[in-house]
Amino acid sequence: MAYIGDTVRLQVNFKSFEGFLIDPSDISLKIYDNAKNEVDSVQITEANKIATGQYFYDYVVPADIHEYFIFEFRGLHNEKPILARGKVDIKFN
């Protein structure tokens, strides 16, 4: 649960089919509102890396998103897409 105007840390663990943490290339983060409209897009860099396969982004919840938002980390591994999605519920008060 997050509040409008609050900062939330979005995190991802990218794993291979074998379950090992991997570092994909060209990592991006997209934010979608509850109508599945893209509202933000960010390129993820080495500054957002925690460890092998683990990345984060600190996102400020805007006032124009209601109920929840969906975040999607996407990259390329072995020239194929790899992605993970999550949902963050929003509370006004």
PDB file of N, CA and C in Angstrom:
ATOM      1  N   MET A   1       0.851  -1.177   0.000  1.00  0.00           N
ATOM      2  CA  MET A   1       0.000   0.000   0.000  1.00  0.00           C
ATOM      3  C   MET A   1       0.891   1.233   0.000  1.00  0.00           C
ATOM      4  N   ALA A   2       0.540   2.200  -0.816  1.00  0.00           N
ATOM      5  CA  ALA A   2       1.290   3.448  -0.911  1.00  0.00           C
ATOM      6  C   ALA A   2       0.308   4.611  -0.873  1.00  0.00           C
ATOM      7  N   TYR A   3       0.814   5.769  -0.501  1.00  0.00           N
ATOM      8  CA  TYR A   3       0.011   6.983  -0.480  1.00  0.00           C
ATOM      9  C   TYR A   3       0.374   7.859  -1.664  1.00  0.00           C
ATOM     10  N   ILE A   4      -0.604   8.634  -2.156  1.00  0.00           N
ATOM     11  CA  ILE A   4      -0.339   9.606  -3.202  1.00  0.00           C
ATOM     12  C   ILE A   4       0.722  10.575  -2.682  1.00  0.00           C
ATOM     13  N   GLY A   5       1.728  10.849  -3.499  1.00  0.00           N
ATOM     14  CA  GLY A   5       2.810  11.749  -3.114  1.00  0.00           C
ATOM     15  C   GLY A   5       3.942  11.083  -2.364  1.00  0.00           C
ATOM     16  N   ASP A   6       3.783   9.828  -1.990  1.00  0.00           N
ATOM     17  CA  ASP A   6       4.812   9.099  -1.265  1.00  0.00           C
ATOM     18  C   ASP A   6       5.801   8.479  -2.251  1.00  0.00           C
ATOM     19  N   THR A   7       6.989   8.175  -1.781  1.00  0.00           N
ATOM     20  CA  THR A   7       7.990   7.488  -2.594  1.00  0.00           C
ATOM     21  C   THR A   7       7.963   6.006  -2.249  1.00  0.00           C
ATOM     22  N   VAL A   8       7.861   5.179  -3.266  1.00  0.00           N
ATOM     23  CA  VAL A   8       7.897   3.730  -3.085  1.00  0.00           C
ATOM     24  C   VAL A   8       9.110   3.184  -3.822  1.00  0.00           C
ATOM     25  N   ARG A   9       9.735   2.179  -3.260  1.00  0.00           N
ATOM     26  CA  ARG A   9      10.876   1.534  -3.914  1.00  0.00           C
ATOM     27  C   ARG A   9      10.368   0.310  -4.666  1.00  0.00           C
ATOM     28  N   LEU A  10      10.479   0.358  -5.978  1.00  0.00           N
ATOM     29  CA  LEU A  10      10.094  -0.754  -6.836  1.00  0.00           C
ATOM     30  C   LEU A  10      11.340  -1.598  -7.069  1.00  0.00           C
ATOM     31  N   GLN A  11      11.204  -2.918  -6.928  1.00  0.00           N
ATOM     32  CA  GLN A  11      12.360  -3.801  -7.053  1.00  0.00           C
ATOM     33  C   GLN A  11      12.039  -4.983  -7.953  1.00  0.00           C
ATOM     34  N   VAL A  12      13.087  -5.523  -8.550  1.00  0.00           N
ATOM     35  CA  VAL A  12      12.952  -6.695  -9.401  1.00  0.00           C
ATOM     36  C   VAL A  12      14.150  -7.608  -9.196  1.00  0.00           C
ATOM     37  N   ASN A  13      13.915  -8.907  -9.344  1.00  0.00           N
ATOM     38  CA  ASN A  13      14.963  -9.922  -9.376  1.00  0.00           C
ATOM     39  C   ASN A  13      14.826 -10.641 -10.714  1.00  0.00           C
ATOM     40  N   PHE A  14      15.768 -10.424 -11.627  1.00  0.00           N
ATOM     41  CA  PHE A  14      15.751 -11.110 -12.914  1.00  0.00           C
ATOM     42  C   PHE A  14      16.440 -12.460 -12.756  1.00  0.00           C
ATOM     43  N   LYS A  15      15.746 -13.529 -13.192  1.00  0.00           N
ATOM     44  CA  LYS A  15      16.308 -14.880 -13.070  1.00  0.00           C
ATOM     45  C   LYS A  15      16.243 -15.620 -14.392  1.00  0.00           C
ATOM     46  N   SER A  16      17.210 -16.523 -14.574  1.00  0.00           N
ATOM     47  CA  SER A  16      17.232 -17.399 -15.748  1.00  0.00           C
ATOM     48  C   SER A  16      16.193 -18.501 -15.554  1.00  0.00           C
ATOM     49  N   PHE A  17      15.995 -19.301 -16.584  1.00  0.00           N
ATOM     50  CA  PHE A  17      15.079 -20.445 -16.473  1.00  0.00           C
ATOM     51  C   PHE A  17      15.538 -21.422 -15.393  1.00  0.00           C
ATOM     52  N   GLU A  18      16.830 -21.426 -15.132  1.00  0.00           N
ATOM     53  CA  GLU A  18      17.378 -22.325 -14.118  1.00  0.00           C
ATOM     54  C   GLU A  18      17.283 -21.739 -12.713  1.00  0.00           C
ATOM     55  N   GLY A  19      16.827 -20.509 -12.601  1.00  0.00           N
ATOM     56  CA  GLY A  19      16.647 -19.888 -11.290  1.00  0.00           C
ATOM     57  C   GLY A  19      17.823 -19.055 -10.811  1.00  0.00           C
ATOM     58  N   PHE A  20      18.825 -18.840 -11.666  1.00  0.00           N
ATOM     59  CA  PHE A  20      19.986 -18.043 -11.289  1.00  0.00           C
ATOM     60  C   PHE A  20      19.738 -16.566 -11.592  1.00  0.00           C
ATOM     61  N   LEU A  21      20.178 -15.689 -10.702  1.00  0.00           N
ATOM     62  CA  LEU A  21      20.066 -14.257 -10.945  1.00  0.00           C
ATOM     63  C   LEU A  21      20.949 -13.876 -12.128  1.00  0.00           C
ATOM     64  N   ILE A  22      20.403 -13.063 -13.032  1.00  0.00           N
ATOM     65  CA  ILE A  22      21.110 -12.653 -14.246  1.00  0.00           C
ATOM     66  C   ILE A  22      20.971 -11.139 -14.448  1.00  0.00           C
ATOM     67  N   ASP A  23      21.909 -10.572 -15.171  1.00  0.00           N
ATOM     68  CA  ASP A  23      21.865  -9.154 -15.521  1.00  0.00           C
ATOM     69  C   ASP A  23      21.462  -9.005 -16.984  1.00  0.00           C
ATOM     70  N   PRO A  24      20.218  -8.653 -17.243  1.00  0.00           N
ATOM     71  CA  PRO A  24      19.824  -8.406 -18.631  1.00  0.00           C
ATOM     72  C   PRO A  24      20.408  -7.093 -19.134  1.00  0.00           C
ATOM     73  N   SER A  25      20.330  -6.870 -20.417  1.00  0.00           N
ATOM     74  CA  SER A  25      20.742  -5.594 -20.993  1.00  0.00           C
ATOM     75  C   SER A  25      19.504  -4.748 -21.261  1.00  0.00           C
ATOM     76  N   ASP A  26      19.737  -3.458 -21.502  1.00  0.00           N
ATOM     77  CA  ASP A  26      18.674  -2.530 -21.903  1.00  0.00           C
ATOM     78  C   ASP A  26      17.447  -2.607 -20.978  1.00  0.00           C
ATOM     79  N   ILE A  27      17.666  -2.424 -19.692  1.00  0.00           N
ATOM     80  CA  ILE A  27      16.589  -2.531 -18.709  1.00  0.00           C
ATOM     81  C   ILE A  27      15.799  -1.223 -18.651  1.00  0.00           C
ATOM     82  N   SER A  28      14.478  -1.363 -18.659  1.00  0.00           N
ATOM     83  CA  SER A  28      13.604  -0.200 -18.525  1.00  0.00           C
ATOM     84  C   SER A  28      12.497  -0.515 -17.521  1.00  0.00           C
ATOM     85  N   LEU A  29      11.879   0.536 -17.060  1.00  0.00           N
ATOM     86  CA  LEU A  29      10.747   0.428 -16.141  1.00  0.00           C
ATOM     87  C   LEU A  29       9.605   1.226 -16.730  1.00  0.00           C
ATOM     88  N   LYS A  30       8.429   0.612 -16.805  1.00  0.00           N
ATOM     89  CA  LYS A  30       7.228   1.315 -17.260  1.00  0.00           C
ATOM     90  C   LYS A  30       6.191   1.269 -16.141  1.00  0.00           C
ATOM     91  N   ILE A  31       5.456   2.366 -16.031  1.00  0.00           N
ATOM     92  CA  ILE A  31       4.384   2.479 -15.046  1.00  0.00           C
ATOM     93  C   ILE A  31       3.072   2.596 -15.810  1.00  0.00           C
ATOM     94  N   TYR A  32       2.072   1.816 -15.399  1.00  0.00           N
ATOM     95  CA  TYR A  32       0.754   1.839 -16.012  1.00  0.00           C
ATOM     96  C   TYR A  32      -0.283   2.181 -14.949  1.00  0.00           C
ATOM     97  N   ASP A  33      -1.295   2.974 -15.338  1.00  0.00           N
ATOM     98  CA  ASP A  33      -2.380   3.259 -14.397  1.00  0.00           C
ATOM     99  C   ASP A  33      -3.357   2.089 -14.382  1.00  0.00           C
ATOM    100  N   ASN A  34      -4.433   2.225 -13.612  1.00  0.00           N
ATOM    101  CA  ASN A  34      -5.373   1.101 -13.464  1.00  0.00           C
ATOM    102  C   ASN A  34      -6.177   0.820 -14.734  1.00  0.00           C
ATOM    103  N   ALA A  35      -6.093   1.703 -15.740  1.00  0.00           N
ATOM    104  CA  ALA A  35      -6.721   1.448 -17.034  1.00  0.00           C
ATOM    105  C   ALA A  35      -5.705   0.878 -18.034  1.00  0.00           C
ATOM    106  N   LYS A  36      -4.527   0.547 -17.545  1.00  0.00           N
ATOM    107  CA  LYS A  36      -3.425  -0.024 -18.334  1.00  0.00           C
ATOM    108  C   LYS A  36      -2.859   0.951 -19.364  1.00  0.00           C
ATOM    109  N   ASN A  37      -2.976   2.247 -19.070  1.00  0.00           N
ATOM    110  CA  ASN A  37      -2.342   3.278 -19.892  1.00  0.00           C
ATOM    111  C   ASN A  37      -0.947   3.540 -19.350  1.00  0.00           C
ATOM    112  N   GLU A  38       0.043   3.583 -20.221  1.00  0.00           N
ATOM    113  CA  GLU A  38       1.402   3.899 -19.781  1.00  0.00           C
ATOM    114  C   GLU A  38       1.465   5.359 -19.342  1.00  0.00           C
ATOM    115  N   VAL A  39       1.947   5.579 -18.113  1.00  0.00           N
ATOM    116  CA  VAL A  39       2.015   6.946 -17.586  1.00  0.00           C
ATOM    117  C   VAL A  39       3.451   7.411 -17.343  1.00  0.00           C
ATOM    118  N   ASP A  40       4.395   6.486 -17.336  1.00  0.00           N
ATOM    119  CA  ASP A  40       5.791   6.858 -17.110  1.00  0.00           C
ATOM    120  C   ASP A  40       6.699   5.761 -17.643  1.00  0.00           C
ATOM    121  N   SER A  41       7.911   6.151 -18.041  1.00  0.00           N
ATOM    122  CA  SER A  41       8.903   5.206 -18.528  1.00  0.00           C
ATOM    123  C   SER A  41      10.282   5.713 -18.119  1.00  0.00           C
ATOM    124  N   VAL A  42      11.115   4.802 -17.621  1.00  0.00           N
ATOM    125  CA  VAL A  42      12.431   5.175 -17.106  1.00  0.00           C
ATOM    126  C   VAL A  42      13.444   4.134 -17.570  1.00  0.00           C
ATOM    127  N   GLN A  43      14.621   4.583 -17.961  1.00  0.00           N
ATOM    128  CA  GLN A  43      15.723   3.674 -18.270  1.00  0.00           C
ATOM    129  C   GLN A  43      16.441   3.340 -16.961  1.00  0.00           C
ATOM    130  N   ILE A  44      16.671   2.072 -16.708  1.00  0.00           N
ATOM    131  CA  ILE A  44      17.352   1.625 -15.492  1.00  0.00           C
ATOM    132  C   ILE A  44      18.844   1.499 -15.792  1.00  0.00           C
ATOM    133  N   THR A  45      19.674   2.062 -14.908  1.00  0.00           N
ATOM    134  CA  THR A  45      21.123   2.093 -15.120  1.00  0.00           C
ATOM    135  C   THR A  45      21.845   1.334 -14.000  1.00  0.00           C
ATOM    136  N   GLU A  46      23.153   1.327 -14.078  1.00  0.00           N
ATOM    137  CA  GLU A  46      23.975   0.692 -13.034  1.00  0.00           C
ATOM    138  C   GLU A  46      23.733   1.336 -11.667  1.00  0.00           C
ATOM    139  N   ALA A  47      23.343   2.602 -11.645  1.00  0.00           N
ATOM    140  CA  ALA A  47      23.051   3.279 -10.367  1.00  0.00           C
ATOM    141  C   ALA A  47      21.859   2.652  -9.663  1.00  0.00           C
ATOM    142  N   ASN A  48      21.011   1.922 -10.412  1.00  0.00           N
ATOM    143  CA  ASN A  48      19.834   1.266  -9.844  1.00  0.00           C
ATOM    144  C   ASN A  48      20.090  -0.203  -9.509  1.00  0.00           C
ATOM    145  N   LYS A  49      21.327  -0.636  -9.639  1.00  0.00           N
ATOM    146  CA  LYS A  49      21.655  -2.044  -9.400  1.00  0.00           C
ATOM    147  C   LYS A  49      22.013  -2.270  -7.938  1.00  0.00           C
ATOM    148  N   ILE A  50      21.384  -3.277  -7.340  1.00  0.00           N
ATOM    149  CA  ILE A  50      21.681  -3.663  -5.953  1.00  0.00           C
ATOM    150  C   ILE A  50      22.766  -4.737  -5.953  1.00  0.00           C
ATOM    151  N   ALA A  51      22.583  -5.743  -6.782  1.00  0.00           N
ATOM    152  CA  ALA A  51      23.508  -6.874  -6.921  1.00  0.00           C
ATOM    153  C   ALA A  51      23.164  -7.547  -8.241  1.00  0.00           C
ATOM    154  N   THR A  52      23.850  -8.631  -8.564  1.00  0.00           N
ATOM    155  CA  THR A  52      23.559  -9.350  -9.801  1.00  0.00           C
ATOM    156  C   THR A  52      22.072  -9.667  -9.893  1.00  0.00           C
ATOM    157  N   GLY A  53      21.442  -9.201 -10.965  1.00  0.00           N
ATOM    158  CA  GLY A  53      20.033  -9.496 -11.217  1.00  0.00           C
ATOM    159  C   GLY A  53      19.036  -8.722 -10.383  1.00  0.00           C
ATOM    160  N   GLN A  54      19.495  -7.892  -9.468  1.00  0.00           N
ATOM    161  CA  GLN A  54      18.605  -7.162  -8.565  1.00  0.00           C
ATOM    162  C   GLN A  54      18.700  -5.660  -8.834  1.00  0.00           C
ATOM    163  N   TYR A  55      17.542  -5.061  -9.144  1.00  0.00           N
ATOM    164  CA  TYR A  55      17.480  -3.647  -9.483  1.00  0.00           C
ATOM    165  C   TYR A  55      16.319  -2.990  -8.747  1.00  0.00           C
ATOM    166  N   PHE A  56      16.404  -1.658  -8.621  1.00  0.00           N
ATOM    167  CA  PHE A  56      15.341  -0.907  -7.955  1.00  0.00           C
ATOM    168  C   PHE A  56      15.142   0.434  -8.650  1.00  0.00           C
ATOM    169  N   TYR A  57      14.014   1.056  -8.334  1.00  0.00           N
ATOM    170  CA  TYR A  57      13.774   2.434  -8.745  1.00  0.00           C
ATOM    171  C   TYR A  57      12.854   3.065  -7.705  1.00  0.00           C
ATOM    172  N   ASP A  58      13.206   4.257  -7.231  1.00  0.00           N
ATOM    173  CA  ASP A  58      12.368   4.985  -6.275  1.00  0.00           C
ATOM    174  C   ASP A  58      11.388   5.851  -7.054  1.00  0.00           C
ATOM    175  N   TYR A  59      10.106   5.557  -6.894  1.00  0.00           N
ATOM    176  CA  TYR A  59       9.052   6.196  -7.682  1.00  0.00           C
ATOM    177  C   TYR A  59       8.123   6.992  -6.769  1.00  0.00           C
ATOM    178  N   VAL A  60       7.862   8.239  -7.147  1.00  0.00           N
ATOM    179  CA  VAL A  60       6.925   9.080  -6.400  1.00  0.00           C
ATOM    180  C   VAL A  60       5.540   8.888  -7.008  1.00  0.00           C
ATOM    181  N   VAL A  61       4.591   8.463  -6.179  1.00  0.00           N
ATOM    182  CA  VAL A  61       3.231   8.178  -6.648  1.00  0.00           C
ATOM    183  C   VAL A  61       2.536   9.495  -7.000  1.00  0.00           C
ATOM    184  N   PRO A  62       2.181   9.690  -8.277  1.00  0.00           N
ATOM    185  CA  PRO A  62       1.540  10.944  -8.675  1.00  0.00           C
ATOM    186  C   PRO A  62       0.070  10.994  -8.253  1.00  0.00           C
ATOM    187  N   ALA A  63      -0.456  12.205  -8.180  1.00  0.00           N
ATOM    188  CA  ALA A  63      -1.839  12.409  -7.742  1.00  0.00           C
ATOM    189  C   ALA A  63      -2.862  11.960  -8.780  1.00  0.00           C
ATOM    190  N   ASP A  64      -2.442  11.822 -10.040  1.00  0.00           N
ATOM    191  CA  ASP A  64      -3.417  11.486 -11.075  1.00  0.00           C
ATOM    192  C   ASP A  64      -3.590   9.982 -11.300  1.00  0.00           C
ATOM    193  N   ILE A  65      -2.977   9.155 -10.471  1.00  0.00           N
ATOM    194  CA  ILE A  65      -3.194   7.704 -10.537  1.00  0.00           C
ATOM    195  C   ILE A  65      -4.090   7.320  -9.362  1.00  0.00           C
ATOM    196  N   HIS A  66      -5.137   6.556  -9.640  1.00  0.00           N
ATOM    197  CA  HIS A  66      -6.105   6.194  -8.609  1.00  0.00           C
ATOM    198  C   HIS A  66      -6.174   4.677  -8.435  1.00  0.00           C
ATOM    199  N   GLU A  67      -6.447   4.246  -7.244  1.00  0.00           N
ATOM    200  CA  GLU A  67      -6.625   2.847  -6.848  1.00  0.00           C
ATOM    201  C   GLU A  67      -5.332   2.047  -6.814  1.00  0.00           C
ATOM    202  N   TYR A  68      -4.637   1.947  -7.946  1.00  0.00           N
ATOM    203  CA  TYR A  68      -3.386   1.192  -8.004  1.00  0.00           C
ATOM    204  C   TYR A  68      -2.629   1.548  -9.272  1.00  0.00           C
ATOM    205  N   PHE A  69      -1.354   1.138  -9.312  1.00  0.00           N
ATOM    206  CA  PHE A  69      -0.592   1.205 -10.559  1.00  0.00           C
ATOM    207  C   PHE A  69       0.178  -0.089 -10.728  1.00  0.00           C
ATOM    208  N   ILE A  70       0.516  -0.364 -11.966  1.00  0.00           N
ATOM    209  CA  ILE A  70       1.270  -1.568 -12.319  1.00  0.00           C
ATOM    210  C   ILE A  70       2.646  -1.119 -12.783  1.00  0.00           C
ATOM    211  N   PHE A  71       3.685  -1.802 -12.311  1.00  0.00           N
ATOM    212  CA  PHE A  71       5.029  -1.493 -12.786  1.00  0.00           C
ATOM    213  C   PHE A  71       5.583  -2.704 -13.515  1.00  0.00           C
ATOM    214  N   GLU A  72       6.389  -2.414 -14.525  1.00  0.00           N
ATOM    215  CA  GLU A  72       6.946  -3.472 -15.361  1.00  0.00           C
ATOM    216  C   GLU A  72       8.421  -3.200 -15.616  1.00  0.00           C
ATOM    217  N   PHE A  73       9.271  -4.079 -15.106  1.00  0.00           N
ATOM    218  CA  PHE A  73      10.697  -4.048 -15.431  1.00  0.00           C
ATOM    219  C   PHE A  73      10.895  -4.962 -16.637  1.00  0.00           C
ATOM    220  N   ARG A  74      11.638  -4.472 -17.634  1.00  0.00           N
ATOM    221  CA  ARG A  74      11.854  -5.244 -18.854  1.00  0.00           C
ATOM    222  C   ARG A  74      13.309  -5.112 -19.276  1.00  0.00           C
ATOM    223  N   GLY A  75      13.859  -6.193 -19.804  1.00  0.00           N
ATOM    224  CA  GLY A  75      15.211  -6.186 -20.329  1.00  0.00           C
ATOM    225  C   GLY A  75      15.365  -7.247 -21.390  1.00  0.00           C
ATOM    226  N   LEU A  76      16.610  -7.449 -21.830  1.00  0.00           N
ATOM    227  CA  LEU A  76      16.919  -8.489 -22.806  1.00  0.00           C
ATOM    228  C   LEU A  76      17.962  -9.429 -22.220  1.00  0.00           C
ATOM    229  N   HIS A  77      17.730 -10.720 -22.374  1.00  0.00           N
ATOM    230  CA  HIS A  77      18.692 -11.734 -21.947  1.00  0.00           C
ATOM    231  C   HIS A  77      18.791 -12.755 -23.073  1.00  0.00           C
ATOM    232  N   ASN A  78      20.010 -12.985 -23.554  1.00  0.00           N
ATOM    233  CA  ASN A  78      20.228 -13.867 -24.714  1.00  0.00           C
ATOM    234  C   ASN A  78      19.370 -13.405 -25.895  1.00  0.00           C
ATOM    235  N   GLU A  79      19.261 -12.087 -26.050  1.00  0.00           N
ATOM    236  CA  GLU A  79      18.517 -11.447 -27.132  1.00  0.00           C
ATOM    237  C   GLU A  79      17.026 -11.769 -27.124  1.00  0.00           C
ATOM    238  N   LYS A  80      16.507 -12.132 -25.957  1.00  0.00           N
ATOM    239  CA  LYS A  80      15.075 -12.391 -25.791  1.00  0.00           C
ATOM    240  C   LYS A  80      14.559 -11.547 -24.630  1.00  0.00           C
ATOM    241  N   PRO A  81      13.294 -11.117 -24.718  1.00  0.00           N
ATOM    242  CA  PRO A  81      12.750 -10.282 -23.645  1.00  0.00           C
ATOM    243  C   PRO A  81      12.583 -11.057 -22.341  1.00  0.00           C
ATOM    244  N   ILE A  82      12.831 -10.339 -21.258  1.00  0.00           N
ATOM    245  CA  ILE A  82      12.583 -10.869 -19.918  1.00  0.00           C
ATOM    246  C   ILE A  82      11.892  -9.746 -19.154  1.00  0.00           C
ATOM    247  N   LEU A  83      10.790 -10.056 -18.478  1.00  0.00           N
ATOM    248  CA  LEU A  83      10.085  -9.003 -17.763  1.00  0.00           C
ATOM    249  C   LEU A  83       9.448  -9.515 -16.492  1.00  0.00           C
ATOM    250  N   ALA A  84       9.164  -8.563 -15.627  1.00  0.00           N
ATOM    251  CA  ALA A  84       8.478  -8.844 -14.366  1.00  0.00           C
ATOM    252  C   ALA A  84       7.540  -7.687 -14.089  1.00  0.00           C
ATOM    253  N   ARG A  85       6.355  -8.013 -13.594  1.00  0.00           N
ATOM    254  CA  ARG A  85       5.365  -6.983 -13.267  1.00  0.00           C
ATOM    255  C   ARG A  85       4.939  -7.108 -11.822  1.00  0.00           C
ATOM    256  N   GLY A  86       4.502  -5.983 -11.293  1.00  0.00           N
ATOM    257  CA  GLY A  86       3.952  -5.950  -9.941  1.00  0.00           C
ATOM    258  C   GLY A  86       2.875  -4.894  -9.866  1.00  0.00           C
ATOM    259  N   LYS A  87       2.124  -4.924  -8.784  1.00  0.00           N
ATOM    260  CA  LYS A  87       1.014  -3.994  -8.583  1.00  0.00           C
ATOM    261  C   LYS A  87       1.171  -3.327  -7.229  1.00  0.00           C
ATOM    262  N   VAL A  88       0.931  -2.018  -7.192  1.00  0.00           N
ATOM    263  CA  VAL A  88       0.991  -1.267  -5.936  1.00  0.00           C
ATOM    264  C   VAL A  88      -0.368  -0.597  -5.731  1.00  0.00           C
ATOM    265  N   ASP A  89      -1.022  -0.936  -4.636  1.00  0.00           N
ATOM    266  CA  ASP A  89      -2.293  -0.302  -4.281  1.00  0.00           C
ATOM    267  C   ASP A  89      -2.040   1.086  -3.720  1.00  0.00           C
ATOM    268  N   ILE A  90      -2.942   2.012  -4.025  1.00  0.00           N
ATOM    269  CA  ILE A  90      -2.795   3.400  -3.592  1.00  0.00           C
ATOM    270  C   ILE A  90      -3.929   3.786  -2.656  1.00  0.00           C
ATOM    271  N   LYS A  91      -3.566   4.507  -1.634  1.00  0.00           N
ATOM    272  CA  LYS A  91      -4.535   5.006  -0.670  1.00  0.00           C
ATOM    273  C   LYS A  91      -4.366   6.519  -0.574  1.00  0.00           C
ATOM    274  N   PHE A  92      -5.470   7.261  -0.554  1.00  0.00           N
ATOM    275  CA  PHE A  92      -5.381   8.716  -0.495  1.00  0.00           C
ATOM    276  C   PHE A  92      -5.060   9.213   0.904  1.00  0.00           C
ATOM    277  N   ASN A  93      -5.681   8.661   1.920  1.00  0.00           N
ATOM    278  CA  ASN A  93      -5.468   9.187   3.283  1.00  0.00           C
ATOM    279  C   ASN A  93      -4.663   8.266   4.137  1.00  0.00           C
TER     280      ASN A  93
END
